[in-house]
């Protein structure tokens, strides 16, 4: 049996806040309890960053390796160094 999918259009979310993330997480939980899947559509980069910052990317079913804007490097640790190593190369 396939579960129903519920799609939420996040395109109108201009300035996402912690309350926005809270509401999305609550909707995800309610959908799961009813045997449904929640899908976010038209999510802005700011909303995706905030969800990632809150540590909810996996819980909300968002891909961790999403496409970055053309020409921009993804945020994160690029290389491992010893503490006190001031070399840049």
PDB file of N, CA and C in Angstrom:
ATOM      1  N   UNK A   1       0.839  -1.182   0.000  1.00  0.00           N
ATOM      2  CA  UNK A   1       0.000   0.000   0.000  1.00  0.00           C
ATOM      3  C   UNK A   1       0.887   1.250   0.000  1.00  0.00           C
ATOM      4  N   UNK A   2       0.627   2.154  -0.908  1.00  0.00           N
ATOM      5  CA  UNK A   2       1.395   3.394  -1.000  1.00  0.00           C
ATOM      6  C   UNK A   2       0.814   4.417  -0.044  1.00  0.00           C
ATOM      7  N   UNK A   3       1.712   5.181   0.552  1.00  0.00           N
ATOM      8  CA  UNK A   3       1.237   6.237   1.440  1.00  0.00           C
ATOM      9  C   UNK A   3       0.944   7.491   0.623  1.00  0.00           C
ATOM     10  N   UNK A   4       0.024   8.275   1.094  1.00  0.00           N
ATOM     11  CA  UNK A   4      -0.337   9.521   0.428  1.00  0.00           C
ATOM     12  C   UNK A   4       0.776  10.543   0.633  1.00  0.00           C
ATOM     13  N   UNK A   5       0.931  11.433  -0.326  1.00  0.00           N
ATOM     14  CA  UNK A   5       1.914  12.504  -0.213  1.00  0.00           C
ATOM     15  C   UNK A   5       1.197  13.830  -0.035  1.00  0.00           C
ATOM     16  N   UNK A   6       1.716  14.605   0.881  1.00  0.00           N
ATOM     17  CA  UNK A   6       1.194  15.949   1.119  1.00  0.00           C
ATOM     18  C   UNK A   6       2.294  16.914   0.712  1.00  0.00           C
ATOM     19  N   UNK A   7       1.993  17.800  -0.222  1.00  0.00           N
ATOM     20  CA  UNK A   7       2.977  18.771  -0.690  1.00  0.00           C
ATOM     21  C   UNK A   7       2.684  20.137  -0.084  1.00  0.00           C
ATOM     22  N   UNK A   8       3.740  20.769   0.414  1.00  0.00           N
ATOM     23  CA  UNK A   8       3.622  22.115   0.967  1.00  0.00           C
ATOM     24  C   UNK A   8       4.437  23.054   0.091  1.00  0.00           C
ATOM     25  N   UNK A   9       3.787  24.067  -0.453  1.00  0.00           N
ATOM     26  CA  UNK A   9       4.469  25.068  -1.260  1.00  0.00           C
ATOM     27  C   UNK A   9       5.049  26.131  -0.329  1.00  0.00           C
ATOM     28  N   UNK A  10       6.363  26.161  -0.223  1.00  0.00           N
ATOM     29  CA  UNK A  10       7.046  27.096   0.684  1.00  0.00           C
ATOM     30  C   UNK A  10       7.486  28.374  -0.037  1.00  0.00           C
ATOM     31  N   UNK A  11       7.020  28.575  -1.252  1.00  0.00           N
ATOM     32  CA  UNK A  11       7.420  29.738  -2.038  1.00  0.00           C
ATOM     33  C   UNK A  11       7.037  31.073  -1.428  1.00  0.00           C
ATOM     34  N   UNK A  12       5.993  31.096  -0.620  1.00  0.00           N
ATOM     35  CA  UNK A  12       5.563  32.369  -0.031  1.00  0.00           C
ATOM     36  C   UNK A  12       6.289  32.693   1.272  1.00  0.00           C
ATOM     37  N   UNK A  13       7.145  31.783   1.740  1.00  0.00           N
ATOM     38  CA  UNK A  13       7.891  32.022   2.982  1.00  0.00           C
ATOM     39  C   UNK A  13       9.066  32.938   2.644  1.00  0.00           C
ATOM     40  N   UNK A  14       8.938  34.206   2.960  1.00  0.00           N
ATOM     41  CA  UNK A  14       9.967  35.199   2.617  1.00  0.00           C
ATOM     42  C   UNK A  14      11.104  35.228   3.628  1.00  0.00           C
ATOM     43  N   UNK A  15      10.762  35.268   4.906  1.00  0.00           N
ATOM     44  CA  UNK A  15      11.758  35.342   5.981  1.00  0.00           C
ATOM     45  C   UNK A  15      11.471  34.205   6.961  1.00  0.00           C
ATOM     46  N   UNK A  16      12.071  33.026   6.719  1.00  0.00           N
ATOM     47  CA  UNK A  16      11.808  31.908   7.626  1.00  0.00           C
ATOM     48  C   UNK A  16      12.435  32.136   8.999  1.00  0.00           C
ATOM     49  N   UNK A  17      11.758  31.647  10.016  1.00  0.00           N
ATOM     50  CA  UNK A  17      12.237  31.782  11.390  1.00  0.00           C
ATOM     51  C   UNK A  17      12.236  30.394  12.044  1.00  0.00           C
ATOM     52  N   UNK A  18      12.656  30.352  13.289  1.00  0.00           N
ATOM     53  CA  UNK A  18      12.608  29.108  14.040  1.00  0.00           C
ATOM     54  C   UNK A  18      11.164  28.619  14.154  1.00  0.00           C
ATOM     55  N   UNK A  19      10.223  29.541  14.243  1.00  0.00           N
ATOM     56  CA  UNK A  19       8.806  29.169  14.309  1.00  0.00           C
ATOM     57  C   UNK A  19       8.361  28.497  13.012  1.00  0.00           C
ATOM     58  N   UNK A  20       8.890  28.945  11.888  1.00  0.00           N
ATOM     59  CA  UNK A  20       8.590  28.323  10.595  1.00  0.00           C
ATOM     60  C   UNK A  20       9.050  26.873  10.593  1.00  0.00           C
ATOM     61  N   UNK A  21      10.276  26.656  11.049  1.00  0.00           N
ATOM     62  CA  UNK A  21      10.843  25.319  11.104  1.00  0.00           C
ATOM     63  C   UNK A  21      10.038  24.444  12.064  1.00  0.00           C
ATOM     64  N   UNK A  22       9.632  25.010  13.191  1.00  0.00           N
ATOM     65  CA  UNK A  22       8.828  24.284  14.167  1.00  0.00           C
ATOM     66  C   UNK A  22       7.515  23.810  13.540  1.00  0.00           C
ATOM     67  N   UNK A  23       6.853  24.691  12.817  1.00  0.00           N
ATOM     68  CA  UNK A  23       5.580  24.337  12.194  1.00  0.00           C
ATOM     69  C   UNK A  23       5.761  23.257  11.121  1.00  0.00           C
ATOM     70  N   UNK A  24       6.830  23.355  10.337  1.00  0.00           N
ATOM     71  CA  UNK A  24       7.095  22.340   9.313  1.00  0.00           C
ATOM     72  C   UNK A  24       7.353  20.985   9.973  1.00  0.00           C
ATOM     73  N   UNK A  25       8.136  20.984  11.046  1.00  0.00           N
ATOM     74  CA  UNK A  25       8.427  19.737  11.761  1.00  0.00           C
ATOM     75  C   UNK A  25       7.152  19.142  12.355  1.00  0.00           C
ATOM     76  N   UNK A  26       6.281  19.988  12.888  1.00  0.00           N
ATOM     77  CA  UNK A  26       5.013  19.498  13.445  1.00  0.00           C
ATOM     78  C   UNK A  26       4.119  18.909  12.358  1.00  0.00           C
ATOM     79  N   UNK A  27       4.093  19.552  11.191  1.00  0.00           N
ATOM     80  CA  UNK A  27       3.316  19.022  10.067  1.00  0.00           C
ATOM     81  C   UNK A  27       3.866  17.672   9.609  1.00  0.00           C
ATOM     82  N   UNK A  28       5.199  17.563   9.578  1.00  0.00           N
ATOM     83  CA  UNK A  28       5.840  16.303   9.196  1.00  0.00           C
ATOM     84  C   UNK A  28       5.435  15.194  10.161  1.00  0.00           C
ATOM     85  N   UNK A  29       5.465  15.477  11.454  1.00  0.00           N
ATOM     86  CA  UNK A  29       5.092  14.498  12.474  1.00  0.00           C
ATOM     87  C   UNK A  29       3.622  14.098  12.337  1.00  0.00           C
ATOM     88  N   UNK A  30       2.750  15.072  12.154  1.00  0.00           N
ATOM     89  CA  UNK A  30       1.321  14.783  12.008  1.00  0.00           C
ATOM     90  C   UNK A  30       1.057  13.947  10.759  1.00  0.00           C
ATOM     91  N   UNK A  31       1.736  14.271   9.667  1.00  0.00           N
ATOM     92  CA  UNK A  31       1.578  13.507   8.426  1.00  0.00           C
ATOM     93  C   UNK A  31       2.042  12.069   8.627  1.00  0.00           C
ATOM     94  N   UNK A  32       3.183  11.906   9.284  1.00  0.00           N
ATOM     95  CA  UNK A  32       3.716  10.558   9.526  1.00  0.00           C
ATOM     96  C   UNK A  32       2.750   9.742  10.378  1.00  0.00           C
ATOM     97  N   UNK A  33       2.165  10.377  11.377  1.00  0.00           N
ATOM     98  CA  UNK A  33       1.201   9.677  12.240  1.00  0.00           C
ATOM     99  C   UNK A  33      -0.016   9.204  11.457  1.00  0.00           C
ATOM    100  N   UNK A  34      -0.358   9.915  10.404  1.00  0.00           N
ATOM    101  CA  UNK A  34      -1.502   9.536   9.564  1.00  0.00           C
ATOM    102  C   UNK A  34      -1.099   8.612   8.423  1.00  0.00           C
ATOM    103  N   UNK A  35       0.176   8.256   8.371  1.00  0.00           N
ATOM    104  CA  UNK A  35       0.652   7.363   7.322  1.00  0.00           C
ATOM    105  C   UNK A  35       0.933   8.068   6.006  1.00  0.00           C
ATOM    106  N   UNK A  36       1.168   9.378   6.056  1.00  0.00           N
ATOM    107  CA  UNK A  36       1.430  10.166   4.849  1.00  0.00           C
ATOM    108  C   UNK A  36       2.877  10.649   4.818  1.00  0.00           C
ATOM    109  N   UNK A  37       3.302  11.049   3.640  1.00  0.00           N
ATOM    110  CA  UNK A  37       4.619  11.653   3.476  1.00  0.00           C
ATOM    111  C   UNK A  37       4.449  13.147   3.230  1.00  0.00           C
ATOM    112  N   UNK A  38       5.348  13.938   3.800  1.00  0.00           N
ATOM    113  CA  UNK A  38       5.317  15.385   3.620  1.00  0.00           C
ATOM    114  C   UNK A  38       6.415  15.767   2.651  1.00  0.00           C
ATOM    115  N   UNK A  39       6.079  16.567   1.650  1.00  0.00           N
ATOM    116  CA  UNK A  39       7.041  17.019   0.653  1.00  0.00           C
ATOM    117  C   UNK A  39       7.044  18.544   0.613  1.00  0.00           C
ATOM    118  N   UNK A  40       8.227  19.141   0.748  1.00  0.00           N
ATOM    119  CA  UNK A  40       8.353  20.595   0.666  1.00  0.00           C
ATOM    120  C   UNK A  40       8.695  20.984  -0.762  1.00  0.00           C
ATOM    121  N   UNK A  41       7.989  21.951  -1.283  1.00  0.00           N
ATOM    122  CA  UNK A  41       8.244  22.435  -2.646  1.00  0.00           C
ATOM    123  C   UNK A  41       8.558  23.923  -2.610  1.00  0.00           C
ATOM    124  N   UNK A  42       9.323  24.366  -3.599  1.00  0.00           N
ATOM    125  CA  UNK A  42       9.692  25.775  -3.744  1.00  0.00           C
ATOM    126  C   UNK A  42      10.358  26.325  -2.497  1.00  0.00           C
ATOM    127  N   UNK A  43      11.241  25.546  -1.908  1.00  0.00           N
ATOM    128  CA  UNK A  43      11.949  26.010  -0.715  1.00  0.00           C
ATOM    129  C   UNK A  43      13.071  26.952  -1.127  1.00  0.00           C
ATOM    130  N   UNK A  44      13.170  28.059  -0.457  1.00  0.00           N
ATOM    131  CA  UNK A  44      14.222  29.031  -0.750  1.00  0.00           C
ATOM    132  C   UNK A  44      15.540  28.543  -0.159  1.00  0.00           C
ATOM    133  N   UNK A  45      16.665  29.029  -0.686  1.00  0.00           N
ATOM    134  CA  UNK A  45      17.960  28.659  -0.111  1.00  0.00           C
ATOM    135  C   UNK A  45      18.065  29.031   1.365  1.00  0.00           C
ATOM    136  N   UNK A  46      17.440  30.141   1.752  1.00  0.00           N
ATOM    137  CA  UNK A  46      17.489  30.568   3.161  1.00  0.00           C
ATOM    138  C   UNK A  46      16.743  29.570   4.037  1.00  0.00           C
ATOM    139  N   UNK A  47      15.586  29.105   3.588  1.00  0.00           N
ATOM    140  CA  UNK A  47      14.819  28.126   4.347  1.00  0.00           C
ATOM    141  C   UNK A  47      15.601  26.818   4.460  1.00  0.00           C
ATOM    142  N   UNK A  48      16.218  26.381   3.363  1.00  0.00           N
ATOM    143  CA  UNK A  48      17.018  25.156   3.400  1.00  0.00           C
ATOM    144  C   UNK A  48      18.200  25.281   4.356  1.00  0.00           C
ATOM    145  N   UNK A  49      18.838  26.442   4.355  1.00  0.00           N
ATOM    146  CA  UNK A  49      19.962  26.666   5.272  1.00  0.00           C
ATOM    147  C   UNK A  49      19.508  26.625   6.726  1.00  0.00           C
ATOM    148  N   UNK A  50      18.365  27.238   7.007  1.00  0.00           N
ATOM    149  CA  UNK A  50      17.849  27.261   8.376  1.00  0.00           C
ATOM    150  C   UNK A  50      17.457  25.855   8.834  1.00  0.00           C
ATOM    151  N   UNK A  51      16.856  25.084   7.953  1.00  0.00           N
ATOM    152  CA  UNK A  51      16.509  23.705   8.280  1.00  0.00           C
ATOM    153  C   UNK A  51      17.776  22.903   8.553  1.00  0.00           C
ATOM    154  N   UNK A  52      18.796  23.097   7.737  1.00  0.00           N
ATOM    155  CA  UNK A  52      20.071  22.415   7.954  1.00  0.00           C
ATOM    156  C   UNK A  52      20.725  22.840   9.245  1.00  0.00           C
ATOM    157  N   UNK A  53      20.680  24.127   9.542  1.00  0.00           N
ATOM    158  CA  UNK A  53      21.263  24.657  10.777  1.00  0.00           C
ATOM    159  C   UNK A  53      20.574  24.060  12.001  1.00  0.00           C
ATOM    160  N   UNK A  54      19.262  23.844  11.886  1.00  0.00           N
ATOM    161  CA  UNK A  54      18.505  23.249  12.989  1.00  0.00           C
ATOM    162  C   UNK A  54      18.744  21.743  13.095  1.00  0.00           C
ATOM    163  N   UNK A  55      19.448  21.185  12.111  1.00  0.00           N
ATOM    164  CA  UNK A  55      19.737  19.756  12.123  1.00  0.00           C
ATOM    165  C   UNK A  55      18.560  18.893  11.725  1.00  0.00           C
ATOM    166  N   UNK A  56      17.641  19.450  10.950  1.00  0.00           N
ATOM    167  CA  UNK A  56      16.430  18.724  10.586  1.00  0.00           C
ATOM    168  C   UNK A  56      16.361  18.317   9.119  1.00  0.00           C
ATOM    169  N   UNK A  57      17.452  18.464   8.382  1.00  0.00           N
ATOM    170  CA  UNK A  57      17.434  18.104   6.957  1.00  0.00           C
ATOM    171  C   UNK A  57      17.053  16.643   6.758  1.00  0.00           C
ATOM    172  N   UNK A  58      17.674  15.758   7.511  1.00  0.00           N
ATOM    173  CA  UNK A  58      17.372  14.335   7.385  1.00  0.00           C
ATOM    174  C   UNK A  58      15.970  13.994   7.845  1.00  0.00           C
ATOM    175  N   UNK A  59      15.544  14.601   8.930  1.00  0.00           N
ATOM    176  CA  UNK A  59      14.217  14.339   9.480  1.00  0.00           C
ATOM    177  C   UNK A  59      13.127  14.793   8.513  1.00  0.00           C
ATOM    178  N   UNK A  60      13.354  15.912   7.867  1.00  0.00           N
ATOM    179  CA  UNK A  60      12.355  16.455   6.945  1.00  0.00           C
ATOM    180  C   UNK A  60      12.502  15.907   5.530  1.00  0.00           C
ATOM    181  N   UNK A  61      13.463  15.008   5.332  1.00  0.00           N
ATOM    182  CA  UNK A  61      13.610  14.352   4.039  1.00  0.00           C
ATOM    183  C   UNK A  61      14.226  15.220   2.970  1.00  0.00           C
ATOM    184  N   UNK A  62      15.050  16.173   3.360  1.00  0.00           N
ATOM    185  CA  UNK A  62      15.718  17.023   2.383  1.00  0.00           C
ATOM    186  C   UNK A  62      17.104  16.469   2.120  1.00  0.00           C
ATOM    187  N   UNK A  63      17.540  16.508   0.880  1.00  0.00           N
ATOM    188  CA  UNK A  63      18.848  15.985   0.526  1.00  0.00           C
ATOM    189  C   UNK A  63      19.939  16.878   1.068  1.00  0.00           C
ATOM    190  N   UNK A  64      20.926  16.262   1.698  1.00  0.00           N
ATOM    191  CA  UNK A  64      22.039  17.024   2.253  1.00  0.00           C
ATOM    192  C   UNK A  64      22.920  17.602   1.157  1.00  0.00           C
ATOM    193  N   UNK A  65      23.019  16.939   0.025  1.00  0.00           N
ATOM    194  CA  UNK A  65      23.906  17.388  -1.044  1.00  0.00           C
ATOM    195  C   UNK A  65      23.181  18.142  -2.132  1.00  0.00           C
ATOM    196  N   UNK A  66      22.342  19.060  -1.769  1.00  0.00           N
ATOM    197  CA  UNK A  66      21.573  19.806  -2.771  1.00  0.00           C
ATOM    198  C   UNK A  66      22.493  20.663  -3.635  1.00  0.00           C
ATOM    199  N   UNK A  67      22.019  21.045  -4.774  1.00  0.00           N
ATOM    200  CA  UNK A  67      22.792  21.859  -5.699  1.00  0.00           C
ATOM    201  C   UNK A  67      23.016  23.243  -5.116  1.00  0.00           C
ATOM    202  N   UNK A  68      24.237  23.750  -5.259  1.00  0.00           N
ATOM    203  CA  UNK A  68      24.511  25.119  -4.845  1.00  0.00           C
ATOM    204  C   UNK A  68      24.316  26.032  -6.043  1.00  0.00           C
ATOM    205  N   UNK A  69      24.227  27.319  -5.777  1.00  0.00           N
ATOM    206  CA  UNK A  69      24.098  28.261  -6.872  1.00  0.00           C
ATOM    207  C   UNK A  69      25.348  28.199  -7.728  1.00  0.00           C
ATOM    208  N   UNK A  70      25.183  28.411  -9.016  1.00  0.00           N
ATOM    209  CA  UNK A  70      26.301  28.306  -9.939  1.00  0.00           C
ATOM    210  C   UNK A  70      27.423  29.263  -9.549  1.00  0.00           C
ATOM    211  N   UNK A  71      28.624  28.728  -9.474  1.00  0.00           N
ATOM    212  CA  UNK A  71      29.789  29.538  -9.151  1.00  0.00           C
ATOM    213  C   UNK A  71      30.074  29.678  -7.678  1.00  0.00           C
ATOM    214  N   UNK A  72      29.201  29.192  -6.826  1.00  0.00           N
ATOM    215  CA  UNK A  72      29.419  29.304  -5.386  1.00  0.00           C
ATOM    216  C   UNK A  72      29.818  27.948  -4.828  1.00  0.00           C
ATOM    217  N   UNK A  73      30.702  27.960  -3.875  1.00  0.00           N
ATOM    218  CA  UNK A  73      31.131  26.743  -3.206  1.00  0.00           C
ATOM    219  C   UNK A  73      30.170  26.433  -2.066  1.00  0.00           C
ATOM    220  N   UNK A  74      29.900  25.142  -1.833  1.00  0.00           N
ATOM    221  CA  UNK A  74      29.052  24.807  -0.691  1.00  0.00           C
ATOM    222  C   UNK A  74      29.757  25.137   0.610  1.00  0.00           C
ATOM    223  N   UNK A  75      28.989  25.485   1.639  1.00  0.00           N
ATOM    224  CA  UNK A  75      29.566  25.801   2.942  1.00  0.00           C
ATOM    225  C   UNK A  75      29.971  24.518   3.636  1.00  0.00           C
ATOM    226  N   UNK A  76      30.983  24.620   4.463  1.00  0.00           N
ATOM    227  CA  UNK A  76      31.403  23.452   5.223  1.00  0.00           C
ATOM    228  C   UNK A  76      32.903  23.409   5.357  1.00  0.00           C
ATOM    229  N   UNK A  77      33.390  22.377   5.988  1.00  0.00           N
ATOM    230  CA  UNK A  77      34.816  22.201   6.194  1.00  0.00           C
ATOM    231  C   UNK A  77      35.416  21.657   4.912  1.00  0.00           C
ATOM    232  N   UNK A  78      36.462  22.313   4.423  1.00  0.00           N
ATOM    233  CA  UNK A  78      37.080  21.892   3.184  1.00  0.00           C
ATOM    234  C   UNK A  78      38.251  20.944   3.405  1.00  0.00           C
ATOM    235  N   UNK A  79      38.997  21.127   4.466  1.00  0.00           N
ATOM    236  CA  UNK A  79      40.118  20.247   4.739  1.00  0.00           C
ATOM    237  C   UNK A  79      40.385  20.196   6.232  1.00  0.00           C
ATOM    238  N   UNK A  80      41.063  19.135   6.637  1.00  0.00           N
ATOM    239  CA  UNK A  80      41.371  18.950   8.039  1.00  0.00           C
ATOM    240  C   UNK A  80      42.785  19.440   8.305  1.00  0.00           C
ATOM    241  N   UNK A  81      42.983  20.187   9.384  1.00  0.00           N
ATOM    242  CA  UNK A  81      44.317  20.690   9.770  1.00  0.00           C
ATOM    243  C   UNK A  81      44.519  20.511  11.259  1.00  0.00           C
ATOM    244  N   UNK A  82      45.748  20.575  11.659  1.00  0.00           N
ATOM    245  CA  UNK A  82      46.070  20.528  13.075  1.00  0.00           C
ATOM    246  C   UNK A  82      45.822  21.913  13.680  1.00  0.00           C
ATOM    247  N   UNK A  83      45.416  21.944  14.939  1.00  0.00           N
ATOM    248  CA  UNK A  83      45.197  23.202  15.623  1.00  0.00           C
ATOM    249  C   UNK A  83      46.505  23.986  15.673  1.00  0.00           C
ATOM    250  N   UNK A  84      46.469  25.224  15.301  1.00  0.00           N
ATOM    251  CA  UNK A  84      47.668  26.059  15.285  1.00  0.00           C
ATOM    252  C   UNK A  84      48.368  26.082  13.939  1.00  0.00           C
ATOM    253  N   UNK A  85      47.895  25.278  12.978  1.00  0.00           N
ATOM    254  CA  UNK A  85      48.479  25.262  11.645  1.00  0.00           C
ATOM    255  C   UNK A  85      47.942  26.453  10.876  1.00  0.00           C
ATOM    256  N   UNK A  86      48.778  27.425  10.623  1.00  0.00           N
ATOM    257  CA  UNK A  86      48.318  28.656   9.971  1.00  0.00           C
ATOM    258  C   UNK A  86      48.496  28.621   8.466  1.00  0.00           C
ATOM    259  N   UNK A  87      48.969  27.518   7.902  1.00  0.00           N
ATOM    260  CA  UNK A  87      49.163  27.445   6.456  1.00  0.00           C
ATOM    261  C   UNK A  87      47.813  27.449   5.758  1.00  0.00           C
ATOM    262  N   UNK A  88      47.764  28.060   4.600  1.00  0.00           N
ATOM    263  CA  UNK A  88      46.505  28.144   3.852  1.00  0.00           C
ATOM    264  C   UNK A  88      46.475  27.145   2.713  1.00  0.00           C
ATOM    265  N   UNK A  89      47.544  26.491   2.425  1.00  0.00           N
ATOM    266  CA  UNK A  89      47.584  25.621   1.260  1.00  0.00           C
ATOM    267  C   UNK A  89      47.382  24.250   1.574  1.00  0.00           C
TER     268      UNK A  89
END
